[in-house]
Amino acid sequence: MWTFVILMLAAIMLCLVAAVFVIHHNVAAAGRENIYSANDDIPKMQVGLVLGARVFSSGRLSRMLADRVDASIILYNRGVIQKILMSGDNRSANYNEVTAMRNYAIEHGVPPNDVVRDFAGFRTYDSIYRAKELWEFKEMIIISQKFHLPRALYIAENLDIEAVGVYAVDNRYRALVKSELRETAARVAAWLDVLVGRDPYFLGPKESLDGSSQETRVPEK
């Protein structure tokens, strides 16, 4: 009897591993032909969506996040995009990715009116879903690192958004290996989000593309 139970458990584990492998590679293949560097010939779109990452308590962007914002600034200066939508985590009063991202872009010459904040982009799925629903974007350029973009483009495709990805400069990040390992679990989670049609953690009312109008706004929680 115990042999039968062990064999059944082994078979179940093997099926789970196989399912994760298939999902991981299907998501990884999404939009592969639509990933560019910031200096490539890229289709012009109204907005570049910058996906958030770690910000230090001082307000300094992590290297990974600074590279994403730098890529968006290149696209803006080239005229590829007209607006930059910074989407990240502002779940608590003591942690605000998007304001730090916005300040960085403004310090590097982007007009305040053209840098818009999404305070509730807690996950990649939420950021893309909210960009469509609250700003009514049907197309966008998504800006992140190479390992992250296939998942973002998979989500966009399944939310009926026309999107291309632009990857940030390929720096050597201290936490890159850890981030890439976590990406497998994140791809499975994205597949499940799409499968069940999950709503974002927080949605809220329609938003304006006037970045300056957010100056005195109370961030969403």
Protein backbone atom coordinates (compact mmCIF):
# COMPACT_ATOMS: atom_id res chain seq x y z
CA MET A 1 0.00 0.00 0.00
CA TRP A 2 2.73 2.47 0.95
CA THR A 3 4.50 1.72 -2.32
CA PHE A 4 1.32 2.65 -4.20
CA VAL A 5 0.97 5.92 -2.23
CA ILE A 6 4.60 6.84 -2.86
CA LEU A 7 4.21 6.13 -6.58
CA MET A 8 1.05 8.25 -6.74
CA LEU A 9 2.74 11.15 -4.96
CA ALA A 10 5.73 10.87 -7.27
CA ALA A 11 3.42 10.88 -10.31
CA ILE A 12 1.60 13.96 -9.01
CA MET A 13 4.88 15.76 -8.37
CA LEU A 14 6.12 14.87 -11.83
CA CYS A 15 2.92 16.25 -13.38
CA LEU A 16 3.24 19.47 -11.38
CA VAL A 17 6.86 19.93 -12.44
CA ALA A 18 5.92 19.29 -16.06
CA ALA A 19 3.04 21.79 -15.85
CA VAL A 20 5.31 24.47 -14.37
CA PHE A 21 7.88 23.80 -17.11
CA VAL A 22 5.29 24.17 -19.89
CA ILE A 23 3.73 27.32 -18.40
CA HIS A 24 7.14 28.89 -17.80
CA HIS A 25 8.23 28.37 -21.39
CA ASN A 26 4.90 29.40 -22.93
CA VAL A 27 4.97 32.69 -21.03
CA ALA A 28 8.67 33.15 -21.82
CA ALA A 29 7.91 32.88 -25.53
CA ALA A 30 5.30 35.67 -25.45
CA GLY A 31 6.12 38.71 -27.55
CA ARG A 32 9.67 37.56 -28.16
CA GLU A 33 9.69 39.29 -31.56
CA ASN A 34 8.44 42.55 -29.99
CA ILE A 35 11.30 43.23 -27.56
CA TYR A 36 13.68 46.06 -28.40
CA SER A 37 16.50 48.11 -26.96
CA ALA A 38 15.84 51.80 -26.28
CA ASN A 39 17.86 52.81 -29.36
CA ASP A 40 16.18 50.47 -31.85
CA ASP A 41 13.63 51.53 -34.45
CA ILE A 42 10.53 51.23 -32.24
CA PRO A 43 6.89 51.90 -33.19
CA LYS A 44 5.78 55.25 -31.74
CA MET A 45 3.10 55.06 -29.05
CA GLN A 46 1.57 57.59 -26.69
CA VAL A 47 2.82 56.07 -23.47
CA GLY A 48 5.73 54.17 -22.01
CA LEU A 49 4.80 52.11 -18.95
CA VAL A 50 7.72 51.82 -16.52
CA LEU A 51 7.30 48.92 -14.10
CA GLY A 52 8.43 49.63 -10.55
CA ALA A 53 11.18 48.02 -8.51
CA ARG A 54 13.04 48.69 -5.28
CA VAL A 55 13.52 52.23 -3.97
CA PHE A 56 15.77 52.90 -0.95
CA SER A 57 14.57 54.78 2.12
CA SER A 58 16.55 57.83 0.96
CA GLY A 59 14.44 57.96 -2.19
CA ARG A 60 17.31 56.70 -4.35
CA LEU A 61 16.32 54.26 -7.07
CA SER A 62 17.89 50.82 -7.13
CA ARG A 63 20.21 50.32 -10.11
CA MET A 64 17.67 48.08 -11.80
CA LEU A 65 14.90 50.66 -11.47
CA ALA A 66 17.13 53.59 -12.48
CA ASP A 67 18.00 51.73 -15.67
CA ARG A 68 14.30 51.30 -16.45
CA VAL A 69 13.60 54.99 -15.94
CA ASP A 70 16.69 55.91 -17.99
CA ALA A 71 15.32 53.81 -20.88
CA SER A 72 11.99 55.65 -20.67
CA ILE A 73 13.81 59.01 -20.77
CA ILE A 74 15.66 57.92 -23.92
CA LEU A 75 12.37 56.99 -25.57
CA TYR A 76 10.79 60.28 -24.51
CA ASN A 77 13.71 62.33 -25.83
CA ARG A 78 13.62 60.42 -29.11
CA GLY A 79 9.91 61.21 -29.51
CA VAL A 80 8.95 57.52 -29.41
CA ILE A 81 6.58 58.21 -26.47
CA GLN A 82 4.73 61.34 -25.37
CA LYS A 83 4.00 60.34 -21.76
CA ILE A 84 5.74 58.20 -19.15
CA LEU A 85 3.50 56.25 -16.78
CA MET A 86 5.40 55.27 -13.63
CA SER A 87 3.67 52.30 -12.02
CA GLY A 88 4.78 50.87 -8.69
CA ASP A 89 4.16 50.27 -5.03
CA ASN A 90 2.92 52.97 -2.67
CA ARG A 91 1.13 50.58 -0.34
CA SER A 92 2.32 52.48 2.74
CA ALA A 93 3.10 56.12 3.53
CA ASN A 94 6.76 55.20 4.13
CA TYR A 95 7.36 53.55 0.76
CA ASN A 96 6.69 55.31 -2.53
CA GLU A 97 8.29 53.91 -5.69
CA VAL A 98 6.41 56.06 -8.19
CA THR A 99 7.17 59.48 -6.72
CA ALA A 100 10.88 58.59 -6.57
CA MET A 101 10.68 57.43 -10.20
CA ARG A 102 8.89 60.61 -11.23
CA ASN A 103 11.37 62.85 -9.42
CA TYR A 104 14.27 61.07 -11.13
CA ALA A 105 12.74 61.59 -14.59
CA ILE A 106 12.02 65.27 -13.91
CA GLU A 107 15.57 65.79 -12.61
CA HIS A 108 16.77 64.38 -15.93
CA GLY A 109 14.77 66.84 -17.99
CA VAL A 110 11.32 65.32 -18.56
CA PRO A 111 8.56 67.95 -18.05
CA PRO A 112 6.44 67.25 -14.93
CA ASN A 113 3.24 67.26 -16.98
CA ASP A 114 4.48 64.27 -18.99
CA VAL A 115 5.33 62.03 -16.02
CA VAL A 116 2.22 60.34 -14.61
CA ARG A 117 2.07 58.13 -11.51
CA ASP A 118 0.15 54.93 -10.88
CA PHE A 119 0.33 54.54 -7.11
CA ALA A 120 -1.18 51.03 -7.02
CA GLY A 121 0.95 49.03 -9.45
CA PHE A 122 1.64 46.41 -6.82
CA ARG A 123 2.28 43.67 -9.37
CA THR A 124 3.01 43.58 -13.09
CA TYR A 125 -0.51 42.31 -13.75
CA ASP A 126 -2.00 45.19 -11.75
CA SER A 127 0.14 47.79 -13.54
CA ILE A 128 -0.91 46.65 -17.00
CA TYR A 129 -4.56 46.09 -16.09
CA ARG A 130 -4.81 49.54 -14.48
CA ALA A 131 -3.09 51.23 -17.43
CA LYS A 132 -5.81 49.85 -19.68
CA GLU A 133 -8.79 50.45 -17.40
CA LEU A 134 -7.91 53.76 -15.73
CA TRP A 135 -6.04 55.53 -18.54
CA GLU A 136 -7.76 53.60 -21.35
CA PHE A 137 -4.53 52.66 -23.13
CA LYS A 138 -5.06 50.12 -25.87
CA GLU A 139 -1.40 50.15 -26.83
CA MET A 140 1.78 50.84 -24.91
CA ILE A 141 5.52 50.38 -24.68
CA ILE A 142 6.43 48.41 -21.55
CA ILE A 143 9.84 49.15 -20.06
CA SER A 144 11.75 46.74 -17.82
CA GLN A 145 14.64 44.25 -17.91
CA LYS A 146 14.89 41.49 -20.53
CA PHE A 147 13.99 38.69 -18.11
CA HIS A 148 10.80 40.52 -17.02
CA LEU A 149 9.42 41.62 -20.39
CA PRO A 150 8.08 38.28 -21.72
CA ARG A 151 5.75 38.00 -18.71
CA ALA A 152 4.61 41.60 -19.08
CA LEU A 153 3.93 41.14 -22.79
CA TYR A 154 2.07 37.88 -22.10
CA ILE A 155 -0.21 39.72 -19.69
CA ALA A 156 -0.74 42.60 -22.12
CA GLU A 157 -1.58 40.25 -24.98
CA ASN A 158 -4.17 38.45 -22.87
CA LEU A 159 -5.70 41.76 -21.77
CA ASP A 160 -6.12 42.71 -25.45
CA ILE A 161 -3.44 45.41 -25.35
CA GLU A 162 -1.09 45.97 -28.26
CA ALA A 163 2.30 46.21 -26.61
CA VAL A 164 6.00 46.06 -27.32
CA GLY A 165 8.76 45.77 -24.75
CA VAL A 166 11.88 47.87 -24.35
CA TYR A 167 14.63 46.52 -22.14
CA ALA A 168 16.83 48.63 -19.93
CA VAL A 169 20.58 48.66 -20.41
CA ASP A 170 22.07 45.30 -19.43
CA ASN A 171 23.94 46.09 -16.22
CA ARG A 172 25.27 43.51 -13.79
CA TYR A 173 22.81 43.61 -10.90
CA ARG A 174 23.65 42.19 -7.50
CA ALA A 175 20.23 40.51 -7.20
CA LEU A 176 19.86 39.48 -10.86
CA VAL A 177 20.18 35.72 -10.29
CA LYS A 178 17.61 35.87 -7.51
CA SER A 179 15.25 37.92 -9.68
CA GLU A 180 15.56 35.49 -12.57
CA LEU A 181 14.85 32.52 -10.30
CA ARG A 182 11.75 34.25 -8.90
CA GLU A 183 10.59 34.90 -12.45
CA THR A 184 9.58 31.25 -12.90
CA ALA A 185 7.09 31.49 -10.02
CA ALA A 186 5.96 34.90 -11.26
CA ARG A 187 5.24 33.50 -14.72
CA VAL A 188 3.08 30.76 -13.26
CA ALA A 189 1.22 33.37 -11.18
CA ALA A 190 0.69 35.53 -14.29
CA TRP A 191 -0.67 32.51 -16.18
CA LEU A 192 -3.13 31.89 -13.35
CA ASP A 193 -4.12 35.58 -13.21
CA VAL A 194 -4.94 35.50 -16.91
CA LEU A 195 -6.71 32.15 -16.63
CA VAL A 196 -9.13 33.30 -13.92
CA GLY A 197 -9.37 36.92 -15.10
CA ARG A 198 -8.25 38.30 -11.77
CA ASP A 199 -9.06 41.89 -10.84
CA PRO A 200 -6.19 44.07 -9.61
CA TYR A 201 -5.70 44.60 -5.88
CA PHE A 202 -7.07 48.13 -6.25
CA LEU A 203 -8.75 49.70 -9.27
CA GLY A 204 -10.29 53.11 -8.54
CA PRO A 205 -11.66 55.86 -10.84
CA LYS A 206 -10.50 56.92 -14.30
CA GLU A 207 -7.23 58.83 -14.34
CA SER A 208 -5.81 61.91 -16.10
CA LEU A 209 -2.70 61.98 -18.26
CA ASP A 210 -1.78 65.38 -16.84
CA GLY A 211 1.13 64.55 -14.57
CA SER A 212 1.07 67.96 -12.92
CA SER A 213 -2.52 67.40 -11.76
CA GLN A 214 -1.26 64.75 -9.32
CA GLU A 215 0.96 67.11 -7.34
CA THR A 216 -1.46 67.56 -4.45
CA ARG A 217 -3.22 64.25 -4.77
CA VAL A 218 -3.51 61.83 -1.85
CA PRO A 219 -2.00 58.50 -3.02
CA GLU A 220 -4.25 55.47 -3.21
CA LYS A 221 -3.96 52.79 -0.55
